[in-house]
Amino acid sequence: MIIVPVKEGENIERALKKFKRKFEKTGTVKELRRRQAFHKPSVVKREQRVHAVYIQKMQLSEE
């Protein structure tokens, strides 16, 4: 459960913004989207390898 302490006289929009930020950090929406469809483990591993190669190339190009 997400708890957002609201200070005396604090704007409700500001409190809502804090709540949204905390909610995003929990990764709940991301996890729900990931669980909507089944992905074979081999496909997931392949995508991770491709992503790792991409990141490695990006890091090498910066240096």
PDB file of N, CA and C in Angstrom:
ATOM      1  N   MET A   1       0.841  -1.167   0.000  1.00  0.00           N
ATOM      2  CA  MET A   1       0.000   0.000   0.000  1.00  0.00           C
ATOM      3  C   MET A   1       0.896   1.243   0.000  1.00  0.00           C
ATOM      4  N   ILE A   2       0.552   2.179  -0.825  1.00  0.00           N
ATOM      5  CA  ILE A   2       1.330   3.414  -0.957  1.00  0.00           C
ATOM      6  C   ILE A   2       0.745   4.473  -0.031  1.00  0.00           C
ATOM      7  N   ILE A   3       1.607   5.032   0.792  1.00  0.00           N
ATOM      8  CA  ILE A   3       1.181   6.089   1.713  1.00  0.00           C
ATOM      9  C   ILE A   3       1.917   7.374   1.353  1.00  0.00           C
ATOM     10  N   VAL A   4       1.142   8.438   1.157  1.00  0.00           N
ATOM     11  CA  VAL A   4       1.724   9.740   0.827  1.00  0.00           C
ATOM     12  C   VAL A   4       1.357  10.709   1.943  1.00  0.00           C
ATOM     13  N   PRO A   5       2.323  11.077   2.770  1.00  0.00           N
ATOM     14  CA  PRO A   5       2.021  12.040   3.833  1.00  0.00           C
ATOM     15  C   PRO A   5       1.788  13.434   3.246  1.00  0.00           C
ATOM     16  N   VAL A   6       0.679  14.031   3.612  1.00  0.00           N
ATOM     17  CA  VAL A   6       0.337  15.377   3.127  1.00  0.00           C
ATOM     18  C   VAL A   6       0.557  16.361   4.267  1.00  0.00           C
ATOM     19  N   LYS A   7       1.379  17.361   4.017  1.00  0.00           N
ATOM     20  CA  LYS A   7       1.676  18.371   5.039  1.00  0.00           C
ATOM     21  C   LYS A   7       0.530  19.365   5.146  1.00  0.00           C
ATOM     22  N   GLU A   8       0.507  20.046   6.251  1.00  0.00           N
ATOM     23  CA  GLU A   8      -0.532  21.046   6.505  1.00  0.00           C
ATOM     24  C   GLU A   8      -0.476  22.143   5.444  1.00  0.00           C
ATOM     25  N   GLY A   9      -1.582  22.377   4.759  1.00  0.00           N
ATOM     26  CA  GLY A   9      -1.661  23.436   3.760  1.00  0.00           C
ATOM     27  C   GLY A   9      -1.048  23.063   2.416  1.00  0.00           C
ATOM     28  N   GLU A  10      -0.664  21.798   2.237  1.00  0.00           N
ATOM     29  CA  GLU A  10      -0.062  21.396   0.963  1.00  0.00           C
ATOM     30  C   GLU A  10      -1.149  21.223  -0.101  1.00  0.00           C
ATOM     31  N   ASN A  11      -0.814  21.592  -1.297  1.00  0.00           N
ATOM     32  CA  ASN A  11      -1.740  21.517  -2.412  1.00  0.00           C
ATOM     33  C   ASN A  11      -2.054  20.061  -2.742  1.00  0.00           C
ATOM     34  N   ILE A  12      -3.322  19.762  -3.078  1.00  0.00           N
ATOM     35  CA  ILE A  12      -3.737  18.389  -3.388  1.00  0.00           C
ATOM     36  C   ILE A  12      -3.085  17.892  -4.681  1.00  0.00           C
ATOM     37  N   GLU A  13      -2.864  18.794  -5.630  1.00  0.00           N
ATOM     38  CA  GLU A  13      -2.217  18.402  -6.877  1.00  0.00           C
ATOM     39  C   GLU A  13      -0.787  17.927  -6.621  1.00  0.00           C
ATOM     40  N   ARG A  14      -0.123  18.582  -5.691  1.00  0.00           N
ATOM     41  CA  ARG A  14       1.249  18.212  -5.342  1.00  0.00           C
ATOM     42  C   ARG A  14       1.287  16.816  -4.692  1.00  0.00           C
ATOM     43  N   ALA A  15       0.309  16.555  -3.830  1.00  0.00           N
ATOM     44  CA  ALA A  15       0.217  15.246  -3.178  1.00  0.00           C
ATOM     45  C   ALA A  15      -0.081  14.155  -4.214  1.00  0.00           C
ATOM     46  N   LEU A  16      -0.945  14.474  -5.161  1.00  0.00           N
ATOM     47  CA  LEU A  16      -1.277  13.523  -6.217  1.00  0.00           C
ATOM     48  C   LEU A  16      -0.054  13.232  -7.080  1.00  0.00           C
ATOM     49  N   LYS A  17       0.741  14.248  -7.330  1.00  0.00           N
ATOM     50  CA  LYS A  17       1.965  14.080  -8.099  1.00  0.00           C
ATOM     51  C   LYS A  17       2.933  13.154  -7.371  1.00  0.00           C
ATOM     52  N   LYS A  18       3.060  13.313  -6.052  1.00  0.00           N
ATOM     53  CA  LYS A  18       3.903  12.436  -5.241  1.00  0.00           C
ATOM     54  C   LYS A  18       3.409  10.996  -5.323  1.00  0.00           C
ATOM     55  N   PHE A  19       2.081  10.826  -5.239  1.00  0.00           N
ATOM     56  CA  PHE A  19       1.494   9.488  -5.309  1.00  0.00           C
ATOM     57  C   PHE A  19       1.801   8.824  -6.643  1.00  0.00           C
ATOM     58  N   LYS A  20       1.619   9.562  -7.726  1.00  0.00           N
ATOM     59  CA  LYS A  20       1.879   9.015  -9.061  1.00  0.00           C
ATOM     60  C   LYS A  20       3.330   8.600  -9.205  1.00  0.00           C
ATOM     61  N   ARG A  21       4.261   9.409  -8.680  1.00  0.00           N
ATOM     62  CA  ARG A  21       5.688   9.106  -8.755  1.00  0.00           C
ATOM     63  C   ARG A  21       6.006   7.822  -7.980  1.00  0.00           C
ATOM     64  N   LYS A  22       5.446   7.693  -6.787  1.00  0.00           N
ATOM     65  CA  LYS A  22       5.667   6.493  -5.980  1.00  0.00           C
ATOM     66  C   LYS A  22       5.076   5.266  -6.674  1.00  0.00           C
ATOM     67  N   PHE A  23       3.908   5.429  -7.273  1.00  0.00           N
ATOM     68  CA  PHE A  23       3.248   4.323  -7.959  1.00  0.00           C
ATOM     69  C   PHE A  23       4.078   3.852  -9.146  1.00  0.00           C
ATOM     70  N   GLU A  24       4.644   4.778  -9.894  1.00  0.00           N
ATOM     71  CA  GLU A  24       5.501   4.421 -11.036  1.00  0.00           C
ATOM     72  C   GLU A  24       6.731   3.653 -10.575  1.00  0.00           C
ATOM     73  N   LYS A  25       7.315   4.054  -9.446  1.00  0.00           N
ATOM     74  CA  LYS A  25       8.522   3.398  -8.940  1.00  0.00           C
ATOM     75  C   LYS A  25       8.263   1.960  -8.518  1.00  0.00           C
ATOM     76  N   THR A  26       7.031   1.641  -8.122  1.00  0.00           N
ATOM     77  CA  THR A  26       6.733   0.271  -7.712  1.00  0.00           C
ATOM     78  C   THR A  26       6.737  -0.680  -8.899  1.00  0.00           C
ATOM     79  N   GLY A  27       6.457  -0.169 -10.106  1.00  0.00           N
ATOM     80  CA  GLY A  27       6.485  -1.009 -11.301  1.00  0.00           C
ATOM     81  C   GLY A  27       5.258  -1.878 -11.467  1.00  0.00           C
ATOM     82  N   THR A  28       4.165  -1.537 -10.836  1.00  0.00           N
ATOM     83  CA  THR A  28       2.949  -2.336 -10.882  1.00  0.00           C
ATOM     84  C   THR A  28       2.374  -2.409 -12.291  1.00  0.00           C
ATOM     85  N   VAL A  29       2.275  -1.291 -12.956  1.00  0.00           N
ATOM     86  CA  VAL A  29       1.692  -1.254 -14.298  1.00  0.00           C
ATOM     87  C   VAL A  29       2.566  -2.030 -15.272  1.00  0.00           C
ATOM     88  N   LYS A  30       3.874  -1.864 -15.147  1.00  0.00           N
ATOM     89  CA  LYS A  30       4.807  -2.567 -16.014  1.00  0.00           C
ATOM     90  C   LYS A  30       4.665  -4.081 -15.846  1.00  0.00           C
ATOM     91  N   GLU A  31       4.521  -4.515 -14.595  1.00  0.00           N
ATOM     92  CA  GLU A  31       4.372  -5.942 -14.302  1.00  0.00           C
ATOM     93  C   GLU A  31       3.053  -6.482 -14.866  1.00  0.00           C
ATOM     94  N   LEU A  32       1.985  -5.711 -14.736  1.00  0.00           N
ATOM     95  CA  LEU A  32       0.692  -6.148 -15.283  1.00  0.00           C
ATOM     96  C   LEU A  32       0.752  -6.299 -16.798  1.00  0.00           C
ATOM     97  N   ARG A  33       1.383  -5.360 -17.474  1.00  0.00           N
ATOM     98  CA  ARG A  33       1.499  -5.449 -18.926  1.00  0.00           C
ATOM     99  C   ARG A  33       2.348  -6.647 -19.330  1.00  0.00           C
ATOM    100  N   ARG A  34       3.388  -6.933 -18.548  1.00  0.00           N
ATOM    101  CA  ARG A  34       4.262  -8.064 -18.852  1.00  0.00           C
ATOM    102  C   ARG A  34       3.509  -9.388 -18.700  1.00  0.00           C
ATOM    103  N   ARG A  35       2.585  -9.447 -17.751  1.00  0.00           N
ATOM    104  CA  ARG A  35       1.855 -10.693 -17.485  1.00  0.00           C
ATOM    105  C   ARG A  35       0.655 -10.910 -18.395  1.00  0.00           C
ATOM    106  N   GLN A  36       0.321  -9.954 -19.235  1.00  0.00           N
ATOM    107  CA  GLN A  36      -0.865 -10.089 -20.077  1.00  0.00           C
ATOM    108  C   GLN A  36      -0.724 -11.205 -21.096  1.00  0.00           C
ATOM    109  N   ALA A  37       0.491 -11.448 -21.549  1.00  0.00           N
ATOM    110  CA  ALA A  37       0.696 -12.488 -22.558  1.00  0.00           C
ATOM    111  C   ALA A  37       1.871 -13.361 -22.139  1.00  0.00           C
ATOM    112  N   PHE A  38       1.817 -14.622 -22.501  1.00  0.00           N
ATOM    113  CA  PHE A  38       2.896 -15.544 -22.179  1.00  0.00           C
ATOM    114  C   PHE A  38       3.983 -15.440 -23.238  1.00  0.00           C
ATOM    115  N   HIS A  39       5.229 -15.385 -22.785  1.00  0.00           N
ATOM    116  CA  HIS A  39       6.369 -15.371 -23.688  1.00  0.00           C
ATOM    117  C   HIS A  39       7.226 -16.573 -23.363  1.00  0.00           C
ATOM    118  N   LYS A  40       7.597 -17.315 -24.381  1.00  0.00           N
ATOM    119  CA  LYS A  40       8.432 -18.485 -24.173  1.00  0.00           C
ATOM    120  C   LYS A  40       9.776 -18.062 -23.576  1.00  0.00           C
ATOM    121  N   PRO A  41      10.320 -18.883 -22.687  1.00  0.00           N
ATOM    122  CA  PRO A  41      11.605 -18.539 -22.078  1.00  0.00           C
ATOM    123  C   PRO A  41      12.717 -18.337 -23.100  1.00  0.00           C
ATOM    124  N   SER A  42      12.697 -19.121 -24.183  1.00  0.00           N
ATOM    125  CA  SER A  42      13.738 -18.968 -25.197  1.00  0.00           C
ATOM    126  C   SER A  42      13.645 -17.613 -25.885  1.00  0.00           C
ATOM    127  N   VAL A  43      12.433 -17.143 -26.099  1.00  0.00           N
ATOM    128  CA  VAL A  43      12.229 -15.841 -26.733  1.00  0.00           C
ATOM    129  C   VAL A  43      12.680 -14.721 -25.796  1.00  0.00           C
ATOM    130  N   VAL A  44      12.375 -14.865 -24.519  1.00  0.00           N
ATOM    131  CA  VAL A  44      12.773 -13.859 -23.535  1.00  0.00           C
ATOM    132  C   VAL A  44      14.294 -13.774 -23.460  1.00  0.00           C
ATOM    133  N   LYS A  45      14.965 -14.932 -23.419  1.00  0.00           N
ATOM    134  CA  LYS A  45      16.427 -14.952 -23.358  1.00  0.00           C
ATOM    135  C   LYS A  45      17.033 -14.329 -24.607  1.00  0.00           C
ATOM    136  N   ARG A  46      16.455 -14.606 -25.764  1.00  0.00           N
ATOM    137  CA  ARG A  46      16.957 -14.043 -27.014  1.00  0.00           C
ATOM    138  C   ARG A  46      16.843 -12.520 -26.992  1.00  0.00           C
ATOM    139  N   GLU A  47      15.707 -12.012 -26.528  1.00  0.00           N
ATOM    140  CA  GLU A  47      15.511 -10.572 -26.450  1.00  0.00           C
ATOM    141  C   GLU A  47      16.495  -9.933 -25.469  1.00  0.00           C
ATOM    142  N   GLN A  48      16.768 -10.620 -24.362  1.00  0.00           N
ATOM    143  CA  GLN A  48      17.728 -10.098 -23.395  1.00  0.00           C
ATOM    144  C   GLN A  48      19.129 -10.040 -23.993  1.00  0.00           C
ATOM    145  N   ARG A  49      19.496 -11.073 -24.769  1.00  0.00           N
ATOM    146  CA  ARG A  49      20.814 -11.086 -25.398  1.00  0.00           C
ATOM    147  C   ARG A  49      20.939  -9.948 -26.402  1.00  0.00           C
ATOM    148  N   VAL A  50      19.918  -9.753 -27.211  1.00  0.00           N
ATOM    149  CA  VAL A  50      19.927  -8.680 -28.206  1.00  0.00           C
ATOM    150  C   VAL A  50      20.047  -7.330 -27.503  1.00  0.00           C
ATOM    151  N   HIS A  51      19.327  -7.163 -26.417  1.00  0.00           N
ATOM    152  CA  HIS A  51      19.381  -5.909 -25.674  1.00  0.00           C
ATOM    153  C   HIS A  51      20.770  -5.695 -25.070  1.00  0.00           C
ATOM    154  N   ALA A  52      21.358  -6.762 -24.537  1.00  0.00           N
ATOM    155  CA  ALA A  52      22.690  -6.658 -23.947  1.00  0.00           C
ATOM    156  C   ALA A  52      23.723  -6.259 -24.995  1.00  0.00           C
ATOM    157  N   VAL A  53      23.613  -6.818 -26.191  1.00  0.00           N
ATOM    158  CA  VAL A  53      24.535  -6.469 -27.277  1.00  0.00           C
ATOM    159  C   VAL A  53      24.360  -4.998 -27.644  1.00  0.00           C
ATOM    160  N   TYR A  54      23.123  -4.555 -27.704  1.00  0.00           N
ATOM    161  CA  TYR A  54      22.841  -3.156 -28.035  1.00  0.00           C
ATOM    162  C   TYR A  54      23.474  -2.224 -27.001  1.00  0.00           C
ATOM    163  N   ILE A  55      23.274  -2.536 -25.714  1.00  0.00           N
ATOM    164  CA  ILE A  55      23.827  -1.710 -24.641  1.00  0.00           C
ATOM    165  C   ILE A  55      25.350  -1.690 -24.717  1.00  0.00           C
ATOM    166  N   GLN A  56      25.940  -2.853 -24.984  1.00  0.00           N
ATOM    167  CA  GLN A  56      27.393  -2.941 -25.076  1.00  0.00           C
ATOM    168  C   GLN A  56      27.928  -2.074 -26.216  1.00  0.00           C
ATOM    169  N   LYS A  57      27.248  -2.121 -27.351  1.00  0.00           N
ATOM    170  CA  LYS A  57      27.668  -1.293 -28.494  1.00  0.00           C
ATOM    171  C   LYS A  57      27.556   0.190 -28.163  1.00  0.00           C
ATOM    172  N   MET A  58      26.509   0.569 -27.456  1.00  0.00           N
ATOM    173  CA  MET A  58      26.311   1.962 -27.067  1.00  0.00           C
ATOM    174  C   MET A  58      27.431   2.422 -26.144  1.00  0.00           C
ATOM    175  N   GLN A  59      27.815   1.577 -25.201  1.00  0.00           N
ATOM    176  CA  GLN A  59      28.868   1.937 -24.262  1.00  0.00           C
ATOM    177  C   GLN A  59      30.222   2.044 -24.973  1.00  0.00           C
ATOM    178  N   LEU A  60      30.473   1.157 -25.921  1.00  0.00           N
ATOM    179  CA  LEU A  60      31.736   1.190 -26.651  1.00  0.00           C
ATOM    180  C   LEU A  60      31.819   2.423 -27.547  1.00  0.00           C
ATOM    181  N   SER A  61      30.696   2.837 -28.102  1.00  0.00           N
ATOM    182  CA  SER A  61      30.719   3.990 -28.992  1.00  0.00           C
ATOM    183  C   SER A  61      30.950   5.295 -28.213  1.00  0.00           C
ATOM    184  N   GLU A  62      30.563   5.309 -26.929  1.00  0.00           N
ATOM    185  CA  GLU A  62      30.756   6.504 -26.104  1.00  0.00           C
ATOM    186  C   GLU A  62      32.226   6.702 -25.760  1.00  0.00           C
ATOM    187  N   GLU A  63      32.959   5.626 -25.652  1.00  0.00           N
ATOM    188  CA  GLU A  63      34.364   5.720 -25.238  1.00  0.00           C
ATOM    189  C   GLU A  63      35.263   6.061 -26.361  1.00  0.00           C
TER     190      GLU A  63
END
